[in-house]
Amino acid sequence: MKAPTKQAERHVEAVAAALNVMDCFLLHPAMGIKQIMDTTGYTRNRVMRLTGTLLHKKYLIFNESEGTFVPGPKIMALGKVFEQHRGITILARPILRKIALTTGESVSLYVREGFERVVLAREEGTQEIRYNVAEGQRMDLHAGAGGKVLLAFAPPEVFDAFLAKAKAEKRTTRTITDKKKLAQELDRIRRQGVAVSTGERVSDACAIAAPVFDSEGNAVCALGIAGPVSRFTADIRKSHQKLIMQEAANLSAQLGFRPDRKQSPVTYK
């Protein structure tokens, strides 16, 4: 096995010290300056600097009445992201395998991170020629069915900010770049609950994707199938679309989503 490089073994001392402070709260849920000093061995000045930075970044909050620090909202948010995505992955694996075996095509679960979609989970199809992406791979939101589903159900401000930052060189001849036309397509995706794309990210690939909702009615990921255009005939597309929507609804139900739950309308100006 190849030995780790020197670069991989390096660490930033200040970051390590801040993480050591956060590790203190694994022992006690609330700690004062003196307790953190005793636990870490750091001086008062160093603890003050570190806790001040962590307060500013919302990794800690300070209880003035008791003079103690407690883990802040950023820690809770990161924990929820981990639990949510890990839970979704565990629930999604059997569904991805089922779709891949049923259709022979590759199936992916995508989540939105900023202005990109990320492959959270992946199941390869059984066909010799397959649409290939890897878990962890990042792609633009505006190109392809999976990305458009995530963009369609994202808050309006995400759409506006995305257009302002989108890089023209990442667009293909089949990708919609006009704001009005893209907004119209996203509106259609929300109404139909599914997106279909052909040659938007890869010229000879067709993709179909549907949103997956959590118990609060938020679209937390997109379930998508993709393969060569030549295999996605009109009848096959119709069959795959029905299956993807059905299994996306199945995964949503496992996450606690109720179809009768009212969702706030999303509109783009």
C-alpha atoms as a PDB file:
ATOM      1  CA  MET A   1       0.000   0.000   0.000  1.00  0.00           C
ATOM      2  CA  LYS A   2       1.274   3.431  -0.909  1.00  0.00           C
ATOM      3  CA  ALA A   3       2.480   5.425   2.092  1.00  0.00           C
ATOM      4  CA  PRO A   4       0.713   8.728   2.913  1.00  0.00           C
ATOM      5  CA  THR A   5       2.387  11.797   1.497  1.00  0.00           C
ATOM      6  CA  LYS A   6       3.917  14.382   3.790  1.00  0.00           C
ATOM      7  CA  GLN A   7       1.224  16.819   2.693  1.00  0.00           C
ATOM      8  CA  ALA A   8      -1.515  14.432   3.829  1.00  0.00           C
ATOM      9  CA  GLU A   9       0.133  14.128   7.249  1.00  0.00           C
ATOM     10  CA  ARG A  10       0.253  17.865   7.812  1.00  0.00           C
ATOM     11  CA  HIS A  11      -2.370  19.732   9.791  1.00  0.00           C
ATOM     12  CA  VAL A  12      -3.118  23.312  10.719  1.00  0.00           C
ATOM     13  CA  GLU A  13      -2.367  23.813  14.406  1.00  0.00           C
ATOM     14  CA  ALA A  14      -5.065  26.432  14.978  1.00  0.00           C
ATOM     15  CA  VAL A  15      -7.735  24.239  13.375  1.00  0.00           C
ATOM     16  CA  ALA A  16      -6.626  21.235  15.412  1.00  0.00           C
ATOM     17  CA  ALA A  17      -6.790  23.328  18.589  1.00  0.00           C
ATOM     18  CA  ALA A  18     -10.300  24.543  17.783  1.00  0.00           C
ATOM     19  CA  LEU A  19     -11.428  20.962  17.185  1.00  0.00           C
ATOM     20  CA  ASN A  20      -9.870  19.946  20.493  1.00  0.00           C
ATOM     21  CA  VAL A  21     -12.036  22.571  22.164  1.00  0.00           C
ATOM     22  CA  MET A  22     -15.129  21.171  20.434  1.00  0.00           C
ATOM     23  CA  ASP A  23     -14.139  17.662  21.573  1.00  0.00           C
ATOM     24  CA  CYS A  24     -14.459  18.873  25.162  1.00  0.00           C
ATOM     25  CA  PHE A  25     -18.226  18.905  24.746  1.00  0.00           C
ATOM     26  CA  LEU A  26     -18.212  15.168  24.174  1.00  0.00           C
ATOM     27  CA  LEU A  27     -17.397  14.947  27.896  1.00  0.00           C
ATOM     28  CA  HIS A  28     -19.700  17.690  29.212  1.00  0.00           C
ATOM     29  CA  PRO A  29     -22.608  19.423  27.408  1.00  0.00           C
ATOM     30  CA  ALA A  30     -21.728  22.811  28.941  1.00  0.00           C
ATOM     31  CA  MET A  31     -18.293  24.061  29.928  1.00  0.00           C
ATOM     32  CA  GLY A  32     -16.742  27.255  31.231  1.00  0.00           C
ATOM     33  CA  ILE A  33     -13.357  28.721  30.334  1.00  0.00           C
ATOM     34  CA  LYS A  34     -11.634  27.066  33.322  1.00  0.00           C
ATOM     35  CA  GLN A  35     -13.065  23.640  32.458  1.00  0.00           C
ATOM     36  CA  ILE A  36     -11.926  23.941  28.842  1.00  0.00           C
ATOM     37  CA  MET A  37      -8.458  25.029  30.039  1.00  0.00           C
ATOM     38  CA  ASP A  38      -8.204  22.026  32.345  1.00  0.00           C
ATOM     39  CA  THR A  39      -9.404  19.610  29.664  1.00  0.00           C
ATOM     40  CA  THR A  40      -7.220  20.873  26.826  1.00  0.00           C
ATOM     41  CA  GLY A  41      -4.224  22.176  28.737  1.00  0.00           C
ATOM     42  CA  TYR A  42      -4.422  25.457  26.797  1.00  0.00           C
ATOM     43  CA  THR A  43      -3.790  28.851  28.370  1.00  0.00           C
ATOM     44  CA  ARG A  44      -6.669  31.211  29.176  1.00  0.00           C
ATOM     45  CA  ASN A  45      -5.718  33.566  26.334  1.00  0.00           C
ATOM     46  CA  ARG A  46      -5.674  30.719  23.825  1.00  0.00           C
ATOM     47  CA  VAL A  47      -9.018  29.341  24.998  1.00  0.00           C
ATOM     48  CA  MET A  48     -10.522  32.838  24.813  1.00  0.00           C
ATOM     49  CA  ARG A  49      -9.319  33.259  21.220  1.00  0.00           C
ATOM     50  CA  LEU A  50     -10.526  29.833  20.159  1.00  0.00           C
ATOM     51  CA  THR A  51     -13.949  30.080  21.797  1.00  0.00           C
ATOM     52  CA  GLY A  52     -14.340  33.595  20.406  1.00  0.00           C
ATOM     53  CA  THR A  53     -13.762  32.291  16.875  1.00  0.00           C
ATOM     54  CA  LEU A  54     -16.119  29.365  17.409  1.00  0.00           C
ATOM     55  CA  LEU A  55     -18.777  31.720  18.762  1.00  0.00           C
ATOM     56  CA  HIS A  56     -18.433  33.939  15.713  1.00  0.00           C
ATOM     57  CA  LYS A  57     -18.845  30.969  13.375  1.00  0.00           C
ATOM     58  CA  LYS A  58     -21.813  29.697  15.433  1.00  0.00           C
ATOM     59  CA  TYR A  59     -20.167  26.446  16.448  1.00  0.00           C
ATOM     60  CA  LEU A  60     -20.598  27.570  20.060  1.00  0.00           C
ATOM     61  CA  ILE A  61     -23.062  29.747  21.929  1.00  0.00           C
ATOM     62  CA  PHE A  62     -22.495  31.378  25.324  1.00  0.00           C
ATOM     63  CA  ASN A  63     -24.921  31.112  28.221  1.00  0.00           C
ATOM     64  CA  GLU A  64     -24.331  34.393  30.061  1.00  0.00           C
ATOM     65  CA  SER A  65     -26.426  33.481  33.105  1.00  0.00           C
ATOM     66  CA  GLU A  66     -24.280  30.417  33.805  1.00  0.00           C
ATOM     67  CA  GLY A  67     -21.038  31.558  32.209  1.00  0.00           C
ATOM     68  CA  THR A  68     -20.724  28.420  30.095  1.00  0.00           C
ATOM     69  CA  PHE A  69     -20.383  27.515  26.436  1.00  0.00           C
ATOM     70  CA  VAL A  70     -22.593  24.945  24.710  1.00  0.00           C
ATOM     71  CA  PRO A  71     -22.505  23.544  21.150  1.00  0.00           C
ATOM     72  CA  GLY A  72     -24.118  25.980  18.731  1.00  0.00           C
ATOM     73  CA  PRO A  73     -26.636  25.721  15.866  1.00  0.00           C
ATOM     74  CA  LYS A  74     -23.959  25.003  13.241  1.00  0.00           C
ATOM     75  CA  ILE A  75     -23.120  21.715  14.983  1.00  0.00           C
ATOM     76  CA  MET A  76     -26.795  20.776  15.063  1.00  0.00           C
ATOM     77  CA  ALA A  77     -27.186  21.643  11.380  1.00  0.00           C
ATOM     78  CA  LEU A  78     -24.177  19.543  10.384  1.00  0.00           C
ATOM     79  CA  GLY A  79     -25.452  16.671  12.483  1.00  0.00           C
ATOM     80  CA  LYS A  80     -28.816  16.798  10.767  1.00  0.00           C
ATOM     81  CA  VAL A  81     -27.170  16.804   7.363  1.00  0.00           C
ATOM     82  CA  PHE A  82     -25.173  13.728   8.291  1.00  0.00           C
ATOM     83  CA  GLU A  83     -28.142  11.879   9.771  1.00  0.00           C
ATOM     84  CA  GLN A  84     -30.423  12.822   6.908  1.00  0.00           C
ATOM     85  CA  HIS A  85     -28.065  11.872   4.103  1.00  0.00           C
ATOM     86  CA  ARG A  86     -26.846   8.728   5.837  1.00  0.00           C
ATOM     87  CA  GLY A  87     -30.430   7.680   6.555  1.00  0.00           C
ATOM     88  CA  ILE A  88     -31.510   8.403   3.001  1.00  0.00           C
ATOM     89  CA  THR A  89     -28.601   6.402   1.611  1.00  0.00           C
ATOM     90  CA  ILE A  90     -29.460   3.343   3.703  1.00  0.00           C
ATOM     91  CA  LEU A  91     -33.114   3.519   2.658  1.00  0.00           C
ATOM     92  CA  ALA A  92     -32.289   4.259  -0.976  1.00  0.00           C
ATOM     93  CA  ARG A  93     -29.835   1.417  -1.656  1.00  0.00           C
ATOM     94  CA  PRO A  94     -32.487  -1.314  -2.048  1.00  0.00           C
ATOM     95  CA  ILE A  95     -34.576   0.977  -4.259  1.00  0.00           C
ATOM     96  CA  LEU A  96     -31.608   1.794  -6.484  1.00  0.00           C
ATOM     97  CA  ARG A  97     -30.789  -1.904  -6.861  1.00  0.00           C
ATOM     98  CA  LYS A  98     -34.403  -2.740  -7.659  1.00  0.00           C
ATOM     99  CA  ILE A  99     -34.599  -0.113 -10.411  1.00  0.00           C
ATOM    100  CA  ALA A 100     -31.218  -1.099 -11.875  1.00  0.00           C
ATOM    101  CA  LEU A 101     -32.164  -4.775 -12.012  1.00  0.00           C
ATOM    102  CA  THR A 102     -35.627  -4.022 -13.405  1.00  0.00           C
ATOM    103  CA  THR A 103     -34.468  -1.659 -16.148  1.00  0.00           C
ATOM    104  CA  GLY A 104     -30.846  -2.631 -16.720  1.00  0.00           C
ATOM    105  CA  GLU A 105     -29.928   1.061 -16.524  1.00  0.00           C
ATOM    106  CA  SER A 106     -27.789   2.911 -13.991  1.00  0.00           C
ATOM    107  CA  VAL A 107     -29.600   4.721 -11.194  1.00  0.00           C
ATOM    108  CA  SER A 108     -28.405   7.576  -8.982  1.00  0.00           C
ATOM    109  CA  LEU A 109     -29.516   9.587  -5.970  1.00  0.00           C
ATOM    110  CA  TYR A 110     -28.553  13.270  -6.131  1.00  0.00           C
ATOM    111  CA  VAL A 111     -28.483  16.001  -3.492  1.00  0.00           C
ATOM    112  CA  ARG A 112     -27.932  19.728  -3.921  1.00  0.00           C
ATOM    113  CA  GLU A 113     -24.877  21.344  -2.372  1.00  0.00           C
ATOM    114  CA  GLY A 114     -24.744  25.028  -3.185  1.00  0.00           C
ATOM    115  CA  PHE A 115     -24.981  25.419  -6.946  1.00  0.00           C
ATOM    116  CA  GLU A 116     -24.045  21.833  -7.723  1.00  0.00           C
ATOM    117  CA  ARG A 117     -25.638  18.425  -7.549  1.00  0.00           C
ATOM    118  CA  VAL A 118     -23.693  15.625  -5.938  1.00  0.00           C
ATOM    119  CA  VAL A 119     -24.098  11.882  -6.523  1.00  0.00           C
ATOM    120  CA  LEU A 120     -24.984  10.640  -3.038  1.00  0.00           C
ATOM    121  CA  ALA A 121     -25.578   7.000  -3.990  1.00  0.00           C
ATOM    122  CA  ARG A 122     -25.232   4.981  -7.176  1.00  0.00           C
ATOM    123  CA  GLU A 123     -26.210   1.574  -8.571  1.00  0.00           C
ATOM    124  CA  GLU A 124     -24.748   0.397 -11.863  1.00  0.00           C
ATOM    125  CA  GLY A 125     -27.027  -1.082 -14.491  1.00  0.00           C
ATOM    126  CA  THR A 126     -26.599  -4.501 -16.088  1.00  0.00           C
ATOM    127  CA  GLN A 127     -26.204  -3.243 -19.660  1.00  0.00           C
ATOM    128  CA  GLU A 128     -22.736  -3.468 -21.213  1.00  0.00           C
ATOM    129  CA  ILE A 129     -22.930   0.143 -22.386  1.00  0.00           C
ATOM    130  CA  ARG A 130     -23.908   2.316 -19.433  1.00  0.00           C
ATOM    131  CA  TYR A 131     -24.150   5.960 -18.433  1.00  0.00           C
ATOM    132  CA  ASN A 132     -21.283   6.301 -15.982  1.00  0.00           C
ATOM    133  CA  VAL A 133     -20.927   8.650 -13.003  1.00  0.00           C
ATOM    134  CA  ALA A 134     -19.316   8.052  -9.612  1.00  0.00           C
ATOM    135  CA  GLU A 135     -20.529   8.563  -6.061  1.00  0.00           C
ATOM    136  CA  GLY A 136     -19.335  11.944  -4.882  1.00  0.00           C
ATOM    137  CA  GLN A 137     -19.165  13.350  -8.406  1.00  0.00           C
ATOM    138  CA  ARG A 138     -20.344  16.957  -8.768  1.00  0.00           C
ATOM    139  CA  MET A 139     -22.311  18.433 -11.670  1.00  0.00           C
ATOM    140  CA  ASP A 140     -24.129  21.637 -12.555  1.00  0.00           C
ATOM    141  CA  LEU A 141     -27.751  22.049 -11.523  1.00  0.00           C
ATOM    142  CA  HIS A 142     -29.044  23.433 -14.803  1.00  0.00           C
ATOM    143  CA  ALA A 143     -27.945  20.543 -17.040  1.00  0.00           C
ATOM    144  CA  GLY A 144     -29.661  17.170 -16.800  1.00  0.00           C
ATOM    145  CA  ALA A 145     -32.868  15.836 -15.265  1.00  0.00           C
ATOM    146  CA  GLY A 146     -31.470  15.243 -11.750  1.00  0.00           C
ATOM    147  CA  GLY A 147     -30.054  18.732 -11.447  1.00  0.00           C
ATOM    148  CA  LYS A 148     -33.177  20.382 -12.789  1.00  0.00           C
ATOM    149  CA  VAL A 149     -35.357  18.553 -10.269  1.00  0.00           C
ATOM    150  CA  LEU A 150     -33.178  19.854  -7.436  1.00  0.00           C
ATOM    151  CA  LEU A 151     -33.207  23.363  -8.908  1.00  0.00           C
ATOM    152  CA  ALA A 152     -36.956  23.274  -9.540  1.00  0.00           C
ATOM    153  CA  PHE A 153     -37.747  22.546  -5.902  1.00  0.00           C
ATOM    154  CA  ALA A 154     -35.059  24.799  -4.413  1.00  0.00           C
ATOM    155  CA  PRO A 155     -35.982  28.218  -2.946  1.00  0.00           C
ATOM    156  CA  PRO A 156     -36.345  31.003  -5.560  1.00  0.00           C
ATOM    157  CA  GLU A 157     -33.261  32.790  -4.260  1.00  0.00           C
ATOM    158  CA  VAL A 158     -31.182  29.739  -5.176  1.00  0.00           C
ATOM    159  CA  PHE A 159     -32.386  30.006  -8.769  1.00  0.00           C
ATOM    160  CA  ASP A 160     -31.494  33.698  -9.005  1.00  0.00           C
ATOM    161  CA  ALA A 161     -28.108  33.238  -7.358  1.00  0.00           C
ATOM    162  CA  PHE A 162     -27.337  30.245  -9.543  1.00  0.00           C
ATOM    163  CA  LEU A 163     -27.987  32.138 -12.765  1.00  0.00           C
ATOM    164  CA  ALA A 164     -25.740  34.943 -11.585  1.00  0.00           C
ATOM    165  CA  LYS A 165     -22.880  32.510 -10.999  1.00  0.00           C
ATOM    166  CA  ALA A 166     -23.431  29.958 -13.778  1.00  0.00           C
ATOM    167  CA  LYS A 167     -20.444  29.528 -16.073  1.00  0.00           C
ATOM    168  CA  ALA A 168     -21.294  29.655 -19.763  1.00  0.00           C
ATOM    169  CA  GLU A 169     -18.501  27.264 -20.706  1.00  0.00           C
ATOM    170  CA  LYS A 170     -20.210  24.467 -18.789  1.00  0.00           C
ATOM    171  CA  ARG A 171     -23.356  24.657 -20.918  1.00  0.00           C
ATOM    172  CA  THR A 172     -24.092  22.499 -23.949  1.00  0.00           C
ATOM    173  CA  THR A 173     -26.024  23.362 -27.103  1.00  0.00           C
ATOM    174  CA  ARG A 174     -29.077  21.594 -25.664  1.00  0.00           C
ATOM    175  CA  THR A 175     -28.948  23.326 -22.284  1.00  0.00           C
ATOM    176  CA  ILE A 176     -31.445  26.119 -21.664  1.00  0.00           C
ATOM    177  CA  THR A 177     -29.609  29.323 -20.760  1.00  0.00           C
ATOM    178  CA  ASP A 178     -32.418  31.882 -21.051  1.00  0.00           C
ATOM    179  CA  LYS A 179     -33.764  32.766 -17.586  1.00  0.00           C
ATOM    180  CA  LYS A 180     -37.406  32.935 -18.666  1.00  0.00           C
ATOM    181  CA  LYS A 181     -37.315  29.644 -20.563  1.00  0.00           C
ATOM    182  CA  LEU A 182     -35.473  27.888 -17.746  1.00  0.00           C
ATOM    183  CA  ALA A 183     -37.994  29.198 -15.210  1.00  0.00           C
ATOM    184  CA  GLN A 184     -40.837  27.897 -17.396  1.00  0.00           C
ATOM    185  CA  GLU A 185     -39.242  24.449 -17.598  1.00  0.00           C
ATOM    186  CA  LEU A 186     -38.689  24.324 -13.839  1.00  0.00           C
ATOM    187  CA  ASP A 187     -42.331  25.290 -13.311  1.00  0.00           C
ATOM    188  CA  ARG A 188     -43.365  22.425 -15.595  1.00  0.00           C
ATOM    189  CA  ILE A 189     -41.168  20.019 -13.634  1.00  0.00           C
ATOM    190  CA  ARG A 190     -42.820  21.068 -10.373  1.00  0.00           C
ATOM    191  CA  ARG A 191     -46.295  20.568 -11.837  1.00  0.00           C
ATOM    192  CA  GLN A 192     -45.499  17.172 -13.369  1.00  0.00           C
ATOM    193  CA  GLY A 193     -43.245  15.944 -10.582  1.00  0.00           C
ATOM    194  CA  VAL A 194     -40.641  14.621 -13.005  1.00  0.00           C
ATOM    195  CA  ALA A 195     -37.897  15.848 -15.340  1.00  0.00           C
ATOM    196  CA  VAL A 196     -36.675  14.349 -18.611  1.00  0.00           C
ATOM    197  CA  SER A 197     -33.517  15.490 -20.388  1.00  0.00           C
ATOM    198  CA  THR A 198     -31.750  14.450 -23.583  1.00  0.00           C
ATOM    199  CA  GLY A 199     -28.167  15.325 -24.383  1.00  0.00           C
ATOM    200  CA  GLU A 200     -27.935  18.188 -21.894  1.00  0.00           C
ATOM    201  CA  ARG A 201     -24.854  17.069 -19.994  1.00  0.00           C
ATOM    202  CA  VAL A 202     -23.683  14.205 -22.200  1.00  0.00           C
ATOM    203  CA  SER A 203     -24.655  14.378 -25.872  1.00  0.00           C
ATOM    204  CA  ASP A 204     -25.894  10.803 -26.284  1.00  0.00           C
ATOM    205  CA  ALA A 205     -27.462  10.310 -22.832  1.00  0.00           C
ATOM    206  CA  CYS A 206     -31.082  10.496 -21.731  1.00  0.00           C
ATOM    207  CA  ALA A 207     -32.092  10.940 -18.090  1.00  0.00           C
ATOM    208  CA  ILE A 208     -35.298  10.881 -16.060  1.00  0.00           C
ATOM    209  CA  ALA A 209     -35.533  12.099 -12.453  1.00  0.00           C
ATOM    210  CA  ALA A 210     -38.127  12.748  -9.756  1.00  0.00           C
ATOM    211  CA  PRO A 211     -37.955  14.532  -6.375  1.00  0.00           C
ATOM    212  CA  VAL A 212     -37.824  12.823  -2.990  1.00  0.00           C
ATOM    213  CA  PHE A 213     -39.484  14.674  -0.100  1.00  0.00           C
ATOM    214  CA  ASP A 214     -38.935  14.503   3.652  1.00  0.00           C
ATOM    215  CA  SER A 215     -41.526  14.695   6.436  1.00  0.00           C
ATOM    216  CA  GLU A 216     -41.549  18.505   6.214  1.00  0.00           C
ATOM    217  CA  GLY A 217     -42.328  18.492   2.503  1.00  0.00           C
ATOM    218  CA  ASN A 218     -38.837  19.577   1.456  1.00  0.00           C
ATOM    219  CA  ALA A 219     -37.283  18.067  -1.672  1.00  0.00           C
ATOM    220  CA  VAL A 220     -34.125  16.605  -0.135  1.00  0.00           C
ATOM    221  CA  CYS A 221     -32.829  14.688  -3.152  1.00  0.00           C
ATOM    222  CA  ALA A 222     -33.598  13.515  -6.663  1.00  0.00           C
ATOM    223  CA  LEU A 223     -33.872   9.920  -7.850  1.00  0.00           C
ATOM    224  CA  GLY A 224     -32.721   9.511 -11.432  1.00  0.00           C
ATOM    225  CA  ILE A 225     -32.122   6.941 -14.140  1.00  0.00           C
ATOM    226  CA  ALA A 226     -29.925   7.466 -17.202  1.00  0.00           C
ATOM    227  CA  GLY A 227     -28.689   5.617 -20.243  1.00  0.00           C
ATOM    228  CA  PRO A 228     -27.956   5.918 -23.965  1.00  0.00           C
ATOM    229  CA  VAL A 229     -30.562   7.761 -26.023  1.00  0.00           C
ATOM    230  CA  SER A 230     -30.857   4.784 -28.368  1.00  0.00           C
ATOM    231  CA  ARG A 231     -32.351   2.632 -25.581  1.00  0.00           C
ATOM    232  CA  PHE A 232     -34.710   5.323 -24.276  1.00  0.00           C
ATOM    233  CA  THR A 233     -37.463   4.977 -26.884  1.00  0.00           C
ATOM    234  CA  ALA A 234     -40.806   6.718 -26.329  1.00  0.00           C
ATOM    235  CA  ASP A 235     -42.344   3.616 -24.733  1.00  0.00           C
ATOM    236  CA  ILE A 236     -39.287   2.951 -22.583  1.00  0.00           C
ATOM    237  CA  ARG A 237     -39.205   6.560 -21.397  1.00  0.00           C
ATOM    238  CA  LYS A 238     -42.848   6.324 -20.384  1.00  0.00           C
ATOM    239  CA  SER A 239     -42.203   3.088 -18.479  1.00  0.00           C
ATOM    240  CA  HIS A 240     -39.042   4.411 -16.776  1.00  0.00           C
ATOM    241  CA  GLN A 241     -40.776   7.666 -15.869  1.00  0.00           C
ATOM    242  CA  LYS A 242     -43.609   5.808 -14.157  1.00  0.00           C
ATOM    243  CA  LEU A 243     -41.149   3.608 -12.259  1.00  0.00           C
ATOM    244  CA  ILE A 244     -38.928   6.496 -11.126  1.00  0.00           C
ATOM    245  CA  MET A 245     -41.894   8.536  -9.904  1.00  0.00           C
ATOM    246  CA  GLN A 246     -43.290   5.492  -8.098  1.00  0.00           C
ATOM    247  CA  GLU A 247     -40.019   4.666  -6.355  1.00  0.00           C
ATOM    248  CA  ALA A 248     -39.331   8.325  -5.509  1.00  0.00           C
ATOM    249  CA  ALA A 249     -42.747   8.383  -3.836  1.00  0.00           C
ATOM    250  CA  ASN A 250     -41.868   5.145  -2.040  1.00  0.00           C
ATOM    251  CA  LEU A 251     -38.641   6.640  -0.673  1.00  0.00           C
ATOM    252  CA  SER A 252     -40.479   9.839   0.276  1.00  0.00           C
ATOM    253  CA  ALA A 253     -43.023   7.796   2.242  1.00  0.00           C
ATOM    254  CA  GLN A 254     -40.202   6.076   4.126  1.00  0.00           C
ATOM    255  CA  LEU A 255     -38.892   9.530   5.058  1.00  0.00           C
ATOM    256  CA  GLY A 256     -42.296  10.430   6.494  1.00  0.00           C
ATOM    257  CA  PHE A 257     -43.703  12.475   3.609  1.00  0.00           C
ATOM    258  CA  ARG A 258     -47.482  12.629   3.216  1.00  0.00           C
ATOM    259  CA  PRO A 259     -48.787  13.362  -0.313  1.00  0.00           C
ATOM    260  CA  ASP A 260     -51.666  15.376   1.134  1.00  0.00           C
ATOM    261  CA  ARG A 261     -49.252  17.746   2.868  1.00  0.00           C
ATOM    262  CA  LYS A 262     -49.559  21.252   1.452  1.00  0.00           C
ATOM    263  CA  GLN A 263     -46.367  22.720   0.044  1.00  0.00           C
ATOM    264  CA  SER A 264     -45.612  26.381  -0.371  1.00  0.00           C
ATOM    265  CA  PRO A 265     -45.694  27.324  -4.071  1.00  0.00           C
ATOM    266  CA  VAL A 266     -42.352  28.177  -5.654  1.00  0.00           C
ATOM    267  CA  THR A 267     -42.400  31.029  -8.129  1.00  0.00           C
ATOM    268  CA  TYR A 268     -39.632  32.728 -10.094  1.00  0.00           C
ATOM    269  CA  LYS A 269     -39.775  36.297 -11.269  1.00  0.00           C
END
